[in-house]
C-alpha atoms as a PDB file:
ATOM      1  CA  UNK A   1     134.683 223.489  45.708  1.00  0.00           C
ATOM      2  CA  UNK A   2     136.792 225.211  43.084  1.00  0.00           C
ATOM      3  CA  UNK A   3     139.970 223.862  41.549  1.00  0.00           C
ATOM      4  CA  UNK A   4     142.038 225.203  38.623  1.00  0.00           C
ATOM      5  CA  UNK A   5     141.343 223.393  35.366  1.00  0.00           C
ATOM      6  CA  UNK A   6     144.833 222.213  34.427  1.00  0.00           C
ATOM      7  CA  UNK A   7     145.497 219.275  32.150  1.00  0.00           C
ATOM      8  CA  UNK A   8     147.539 216.886  34.191  1.00  0.00           C
ATOM      9  CA  UNK A   9     148.503 213.291  34.537  1.00  0.00           C
ATOM     10  CA  UNK A  10     149.818 213.786  38.069  1.00  0.00           C
ATOM     11  CA  UNK A  11     147.871 214.604  41.240  1.00  0.00           C
ATOM     12  CA  UNK A  12     146.660 218.141  41.889  1.00  0.00           C
ATOM     13  CA  UNK A  13     149.385 220.735  41.749  1.00  0.00           C
ATOM     14  CA  UNK A  14     148.374 222.032  45.151  1.00  0.00           C
ATOM     15  CA  UNK A  15     148.116 219.658  48.120  1.00  0.00           C
ATOM     16  CA  UNK A  16     145.571 221.920  49.796  1.00  0.00           C
ATOM     17  CA  UNK A  17     142.571 221.020  47.580  1.00  0.00           C
ATOM     18  CA  UNK A  18     143.533 217.359  48.094  1.00  0.00           C
ATOM     19  CA  UNK A  19     143.553 217.932  51.849  1.00  0.00           C
ATOM     20  CA  UNK A  20     140.112 219.546  51.712  1.00  0.00           C
ATOM     21  CA  UNK A  21     138.557 216.842  49.536  1.00  0.00           C
ATOM     22  CA  UNK A  22     139.947 214.223  51.901  1.00  0.00           C
ATOM     23  CA  UNK A  23     138.426 216.069  54.862  1.00  0.00           C
ATOM     24  CA  UNK A  24     135.023 216.290  53.162  1.00  0.00           C
ATOM     25  CA  UNK A  25     135.081 212.567  52.451  1.00  0.00           C
ATOM     26  CA  UNK A  26     136.098 211.774  56.015  1.00  0.00           C
ATOM     27  CA  UNK A  27     132.955 213.540  57.252  1.00  0.00           C
ATOM     28  CA  UNK A  28     130.729 212.339  54.388  1.00  0.00           C
ATOM     29  CA  UNK A  29     129.966 215.933  53.430  1.00  0.00           C
ATOM     30  CA  UNK A  30     128.506 216.035  49.900  1.00  0.00           C
ATOM     31  CA  UNK A  31     130.198 218.446  47.520  1.00  0.00           C
ATOM     32  CA  UNK A  32     130.500 219.248  43.851  1.00  0.00           C
ATOM     33  CA  UNK A  33     133.824 220.103  42.262  1.00  0.00           C
ATOM     34  CA  UNK A  34     133.647 223.208  40.090  1.00  0.00           C
ATOM     35  CA  UNK A  35     136.354 223.765  37.495  1.00  0.00           C
ATOM     36  CA  UNK A  36     137.468 227.388  37.537  1.00  0.00           C
ATOM     37  CA  UNK A  37     140.467 228.100  35.289  1.00  0.00           C
ATOM     38  CA  UNK A  38     140.607 231.808  36.145  1.00  0.00           C
ATOM     39  CA  UNK A  39     141.577 232.549  39.738  1.00  0.00           C
ATOM     40  CA  UNK A  40     141.231 236.315  39.389  1.00  0.00           C
ATOM     41  CA  UNK A  41     137.766 236.227  40.963  1.00  0.00           C
ATOM     42  CA  UNK A  42     138.690 233.690  43.636  1.00  0.00           C
ATOM     43  CA  UNK A  43     138.827 234.829  47.260  1.00  0.00           C
ATOM     44  CA  UNK A  44     142.512 235.499  48.026  1.00  0.00           C
ATOM     45  CA  UNK A  45     143.162 234.388  44.415  1.00  0.00           C
ATOM     46  CA  UNK A  46     144.208 230.902  45.453  1.00  0.00           C
ATOM     47  CA  UNK A  47     142.786 227.409  45.832  1.00  0.00           C
ATOM     48  CA  UNK A  48     140.864 225.887  47.400  1.00  0.00           C
ATOM     49  CA  UNK A  49     137.712 227.772  48.192  1.00  0.00           C
ATOM     50  CA  UNK A  50     134.113 226.742  48.701  1.00  0.00           C
ATOM     51  CA  UNK A  51     130.789 228.365  48.028  1.00  0.00           C
ATOM     52  CA  UNK A  52     128.077 227.420  50.498  1.00  0.00           C
ATOM     53  CA  UNK A  53     124.739 229.208  50.742  1.00  0.00           C
ATOM     54  CA  UNK A  54     126.177 231.955  48.528  1.00  0.00           C
ATOM     55  CA  UNK A  55     129.042 232.531  50.947  1.00  0.00           C
ATOM     56  CA  UNK A  56     132.568 232.023  49.628  1.00  0.00           C
ATOM     57  CA  UNK A  57     135.259 230.837  52.022  1.00  0.00           C
ATOM     58  CA  UNK A  58     138.900 230.559  51.044  1.00  0.00           C
ATOM     59  CA  UNK A  59     141.918 228.818  52.612  1.00  0.00           C
ATOM     60  CA  UNK A  60     141.734 225.147  53.540  1.00  0.00           C
ATOM     61  CA  UNK A  61     142.222 225.816  57.260  1.00  0.00           C
ATOM     62  CA  UNK A  62     139.463 228.434  57.388  1.00  0.00           C
ATOM     63  CA  UNK A  63     137.160 226.115  55.453  1.00  0.00           C
ATOM     64  CA  UNK A  64     137.817 223.259  57.887  1.00  0.00           C
ATOM     65  CA  UNK A  65     137.189 225.601  60.825  1.00  0.00           C
ATOM     66  CA  UNK A  66     133.913 226.750  59.255  1.00  0.00           C
ATOM     67  CA  UNK A  67     132.718 223.209  58.546  1.00  0.00           C
ATOM     68  CA  UNK A  68     133.661 222.095  62.048  1.00  0.00           C
ATOM     69  CA  UNK A  69     131.280 224.723  63.374  1.00  0.00           C
ATOM     70  CA  UNK A  70     128.509 224.164  60.854  1.00  0.00           C
ATOM     71  CA  UNK A  71     128.520 220.410  60.244  1.00  0.00           C
ATOM     72  CA  UNK A  72     130.647 218.240  62.501  1.00  0.00           C
ATOM     73  CA  UNK A  73     133.845 218.783  64.450  1.00  0.00           C
ATOM     74  CA  UNK A  74     136.200 215.915  63.640  1.00  0.00           C
ATOM     75  CA  UNK A  75     138.577 217.170  66.332  1.00  0.00           C
ATOM     76  CA  UNK A  76     136.022 217.547  69.118  1.00  0.00           C
ATOM     77  CA  UNK A  77     137.302 214.607  71.158  1.00  0.00           C
ATOM     78  CA  UNK A  78     140.985 215.478  70.943  1.00  0.00           C
ATOM     79  CA  UNK A  79     142.859 216.274  74.124  1.00  0.00           C
ATOM     80  CA  UNK A  80     144.924 219.478  74.351  1.00  0.00           C
ATOM     81  CA  UNK A  81     148.052 217.351  73.915  1.00  0.00           C
ATOM     82  CA  UNK A  82     146.671 215.689  70.774  1.00  0.00           C
ATOM     83  CA  UNK A  83     145.675 219.065  69.345  1.00  0.00           C
ATOM     84  CA  UNK A  84     149.162 220.397  70.021  1.00  0.00           C
ATOM     85  CA  UNK A  85     150.824 217.439  68.317  1.00  0.00           C
ATOM     86  CA  UNK A  86     148.444 217.698  65.365  1.00  0.00           C
ATOM     87  CA  UNK A  87     149.226 221.396  65.061  1.00  0.00           C
ATOM     88  CA  UNK A  88     152.972 220.722  65.045  1.00  0.00           C
ATOM     89  CA  UNK A  89     152.660 217.985  62.414  1.00  0.00           C
ATOM     90  CA  UNK A  90     150.410 220.165  60.261  1.00  0.00           C
ATOM     91  CA  UNK A  91     152.787 223.087  60.223  1.00  0.00           C
ATOM     92  CA  UNK A  92     155.843 220.896  59.715  1.00  0.00           C
ATOM     93  CA  UNK A  93     154.185 219.701  56.518  1.00  0.00           C
ATOM     94  CA  UNK A  94     152.393 222.850  55.371  1.00  0.00           C
ATOM     95  CA  UNK A  95     155.027 225.435  56.300  1.00  0.00           C
ATOM     96  CA  UNK A  96     158.224 223.447  55.725  1.00  0.00           C
ATOM     97  CA  UNK A  97     157.659 220.323  53.640  1.00  0.00           C
ATOM     98  CA  UNK A  98     155.393 222.264  51.261  1.00  0.00           C
ATOM     99  CA  UNK A  99     158.378 224.314  50.112  1.00  0.00           C
ATOM    100  CA  UNK A 100     160.219 221.104  49.294  1.00  0.00           C
ATOM    101  CA  UNK A 101     157.266 220.089  47.112  1.00  0.00           C
ATOM    102  CA  UNK A 102     157.494 223.452  45.345  1.00  0.00           C
ATOM    103  CA  UNK A 103     161.254 222.994  44.994  1.00  0.00           C
ATOM    104  CA  UNK A 104     160.706 219.863  42.913  1.00  0.00           C
ATOM    105  CA  UNK A 105     157.771 221.276  40.976  1.00  0.00           C
ATOM    106  CA  UNK A 106     159.374 224.555  39.930  1.00  0.00           C
ATOM    107  CA  UNK A 107     163.040 224.891  40.975  1.00  0.00           C
ATOM    108  CA  UNK A 108     164.689 221.530  40.319  1.00  0.00           C
ATOM    109  CA  UNK A 109     165.133 221.107  36.551  1.00  0.00           C
ATOM    110  CA  UNK A 110     164.415 217.367  36.425  1.00  0.00           C
ATOM    111  CA  UNK A 111     161.378 217.586  38.682  1.00  0.00           C
ATOM    112  CA  UNK A 112     160.003 220.640  36.945  1.00  0.00           C
ATOM    113  CA  UNK A 113     160.453 219.174  33.467  1.00  0.00           C
ATOM    114  CA  UNK A 114     158.639 216.013  34.590  1.00  0.00           C
ATOM    115  CA  UNK A 115     155.782 218.037  36.061  1.00  0.00           C
ATOM    116  CA  UNK A 116     155.238 220.250  33.049  1.00  0.00           C
ATOM    117  CA  UNK A 117     155.426 217.361  30.590  1.00  0.00           C
ATOM    118  CA  UNK A 118     152.830 215.474  32.610  1.00  0.00           C
ATOM    119  CA  UNK A 119     150.611 218.416  33.473  1.00  0.00           C
ATOM    120  CA  UNK A 120     150.894 220.616  30.397  1.00  0.00           C
ATOM    121  CA  UNK A 121     152.459 218.366  27.734  1.00  0.00           C
ATOM    122  CA  UNK A 122     155.507 220.616  27.734  1.00  0.00           C
ATOM    123  CA  UNK A 123     156.361 224.265  28.204  1.00  0.00           C
ATOM    124  CA  UNK A 124     154.735 227.372  26.780  1.00  0.00           C
ATOM    125  CA  UNK A 125     155.464 231.028  27.449  1.00  0.00           C
ATOM    126  CA  UNK A 126     152.751 230.963  30.108  1.00  0.00           C
ATOM    127  CA  UNK A 127     154.051 227.884  31.914  1.00  0.00           C
ATOM    128  CA  UNK A 128     157.614 229.207  31.778  1.00  0.00           C
ATOM    129  CA  UNK A 129     156.417 232.397  33.456  1.00  0.00           C
ATOM    130  CA  UNK A 130     154.646 230.355  36.143  1.00  0.00           C
ATOM    131  CA  UNK A 131     157.741 228.232  36.669  1.00  0.00           C
ATOM    132  CA  UNK A 132     160.024 231.267  36.957  1.00  0.00           C
ATOM    133  CA  UNK A 133     157.671 232.972  39.408  1.00  0.00           C
ATOM    134  CA  UNK A 134     157.506 229.991  41.752  1.00  0.00           C
ATOM    135  CA  UNK A 135     161.215 229.224  41.372  1.00  0.00           C
ATOM    136  CA  UNK A 136     161.957 232.757  42.557  1.00  0.00           C
ATOM    137  CA  UNK A 137     159.634 232.270  45.526  1.00  0.00           C
ATOM    138  CA  UNK A 138     161.376 229.019  46.477  1.00  0.00           C
ATOM    139  CA  UNK A 139     164.772 230.723  46.285  1.00  0.00           C
ATOM    140  CA  UNK A 140     163.649 233.780  48.242  1.00  0.00           C
ATOM    141  CA  UNK A 141     162.088 231.569  50.932  1.00  0.00           C
ATOM    142  CA  UNK A 142     165.396 229.755  51.292  1.00  0.00           C
ATOM    143  CA  UNK A 143     164.753 226.173  50.183  1.00  0.00           C
ATOM    144  CA  UNK A 144     166.139 226.914  46.729  1.00  0.00           C
ATOM    145  CA  UNK A 145     169.484 227.856  48.268  1.00  0.00           C
ATOM    146  CA  UNK A 146     170.231 224.276  49.363  1.00  0.00           C
ATOM    147  CA  UNK A 147     171.878 221.530  47.324  1.00  0.00           C
ATOM    148  CA  UNK A 148     169.723 218.664  46.029  1.00  0.00           C
ATOM    149  CA  UNK A 149     171.286 216.323  48.598  1.00  0.00           C
ATOM    150  CA  UNK A 150     170.465 218.747  51.409  1.00  0.00           C
ATOM    151  CA  UNK A 151     166.871 219.086  50.201  1.00  0.00           C
ATOM    152  CA  UNK A 152     166.443 215.304  50.234  1.00  0.00           C
ATOM    153  CA  UNK A 153     167.843 215.226  53.779  1.00  0.00           C
ATOM    154  CA  UNK A 154     165.366 217.873  54.903  1.00  0.00           C
ATOM    155  CA  UNK A 155     162.450 216.050  53.279  1.00  0.00           C
ATOM    156  CA  UNK A 156     163.524 212.741  54.798  1.00  0.00           C
ATOM    157  CA  UNK A 157     163.595 214.200  58.310  1.00  0.00           C
ATOM    158  CA  UNK A 158     160.052 215.548  57.933  1.00  0.00           C
ATOM    159  CA  UNK A 159     158.771 212.251  56.565  1.00  0.00           C
ATOM    160  CA  UNK A 160     160.517 210.254  59.276  1.00  0.00           C
ATOM    161  CA  UNK A 161     159.022 212.465  61.988  1.00  0.00           C
ATOM    162  CA  UNK A 162     155.484 211.933  60.657  1.00  0.00           C
ATOM    163  CA  UNK A 163     156.086 208.208  60.176  1.00  0.00           C
ATOM    164  CA  UNK A 164     157.420 207.865  63.719  1.00  0.00           C
ATOM    165  CA  UNK A 165     154.393 209.649  65.144  1.00  0.00           C
ATOM    166  CA  UNK A 166     152.004 207.505  63.100  1.00  0.00           C
ATOM    167  CA  UNK A 167     153.767 204.266  64.014  1.00  0.00           C
ATOM    168  CA  UNK A 168     151.405 201.326  63.701  1.00  0.00           C
ATOM    169  CA  UNK A 169     148.271 203.406  64.273  1.00  0.00           C
ATOM    170  CA  UNK A 170     145.532 203.727  61.674  1.00  0.00           C
ATOM    171  CA  UNK A 171     145.240 207.468  62.262  1.00  0.00           C
ATOM    172  CA  UNK A 172     147.901 209.986  63.220  1.00  0.00           C
ATOM    173  CA  UNK A 173     146.769 210.711  66.775  1.00  0.00           C
ATOM    174  CA  UNK A 174     145.551 207.236  67.690  1.00  0.00           C
ATOM    175  CA  UNK A 175     141.892 208.215  67.369  1.00  0.00           C
ATOM    176  CA  UNK A 176     139.188 205.746  66.304  1.00  0.00           C
ATOM    177  CA  UNK A 177     138.187 208.059  63.445  1.00  0.00           C
ATOM    178  CA  UNK A 178     140.196 210.420  61.240  1.00  0.00           C
ATOM    179  CA  UNK A 179     140.641 214.056  62.224  1.00  0.00           C
ATOM    180  CA  UNK A 180     141.462 217.109  60.156  1.00  0.00           C
ATOM    181  CA  UNK A 181     145.144 216.404  60.831  1.00  0.00           C
ATOM    182  CA  UNK A 182     144.873 213.092  58.971  1.00  0.00           C
ATOM    183  CA  UNK A 183     143.543 215.010  55.973  1.00  0.00           C
ATOM    184  CA  UNK A 184     146.595 217.277  56.190  1.00  0.00           C
ATOM    185  CA  UNK A 185     148.973 214.314  56.099  1.00  0.00           C
ATOM    186  CA  UNK A 186     147.117 212.696  53.185  1.00  0.00           C
ATOM    187  CA  UNK A 187     146.971 215.911  51.179  1.00  0.00           C
ATOM    188  CA  UNK A 188     150.610 216.808  51.679  1.00  0.00           C
ATOM    189  CA  UNK A 189     152.018 213.346  50.981  1.00  0.00           C
ATOM    190  CA  UNK A 190     149.824 212.068  48.130  1.00  0.00           C
ATOM    191  CA  UNK A 191     151.939 213.564  45.346  1.00  0.00           C
ATOM    192  CA  UNK A 192     155.123 212.373  47.032  1.00  0.00           C
ATOM    193  CA  UNK A 193     153.915 208.782  46.794  1.00  0.00           C
ATOM    194  CA  UNK A 194     152.394 209.021  43.300  1.00  0.00           C
ATOM    195  CA  UNK A 195     154.783 211.207  41.301  1.00  0.00           C
ATOM    196  CA  UNK A 196     158.098 209.372  41.611  1.00  0.00           C
ATOM    197  CA  UNK A 197     159.416 210.843  38.368  1.00  0.00           C
ATOM    198  CA  UNK A 198     159.377 214.279  39.935  1.00  0.00           C
ATOM    199  CA  UNK A 199     161.390 213.451  43.061  1.00  0.00           C
ATOM    200  CA  UNK A 200     162.565 209.808  43.014  1.00  0.00           C
ATOM    201  CA  UNK A 201     164.793 209.990  46.095  1.00  0.00           C
ATOM    202  CA  UNK A 202     162.052 211.523  48.248  1.00  0.00           C
ATOM    203  CA  UNK A 203     159.407 209.122  46.910  1.00  0.00           C
ATOM    204  CA  UNK A 204     161.603 206.100  47.528  1.00  0.00           C
ATOM    205  CA  UNK A 205     162.236 207.240  51.100  1.00  0.00           C
ATOM    206  CA  UNK A 206     158.531 207.879  51.682  1.00  0.00           C
ATOM    207  CA  UNK A 207     157.504 204.492  50.334  1.00  0.00           C
END
C-alpha cells in the first residue's frame, strides 16, 4: 500500500487510505505500507493504491472490489436491501461529507491553519499552493459557498443519519462481522473524532 510521506501529527490527510487499511485489518490481510512522497508515478496520481503480484490497483473502491474477488468477500452475506443501504451511506460520506472535510482542511482559515501547523509545522510556498488548489476545488464544488454555520448544519445531518442507522448495533448493517461499509464509516469519521482543533463544532457533535 502506498501513502504520501507527509509529516503530520493528525490522522492521514485522506480518509481513503484509512478506509483501506481498516478493510485490510478487518479481513486479516497482511500488507506493508510503502512511503511514496511523489505521486507522479502513482496510478491516477492519487492515494491509495496497492501493488500485488506486480499489478498496481488504484482507488479504494476498486481495490476493495479486487480483494473481494481474490481473497474474501466481506459483503457476500448481505441482502440486496443491506447492500443498497450501505451504498447510500458510503456515498453520503464519500461524495458529500468528504467535501466538508476538505472545507475544514483547506478552505476554512482556522481549520486550515491548524492542519498545516500540525502536518507541516507551518506554511511554505508549496503548502500554500496546495491549500489554494484545494480551496478552489471546494469553492467550485459548492461547499465553499456556504457560511460556516451552514457547513456545520450539513455535517451534522450526515453524522446524525449515520448514527441513526448504526443505532446500538456493533456494525452498520447489523451483521455479525464488519463489511466494507464499516471500513468506509471508520475511514471517513476518524479525523472528525481525533482532530478537534480543525473543526471543533463538528467534532463535538460527532462525539
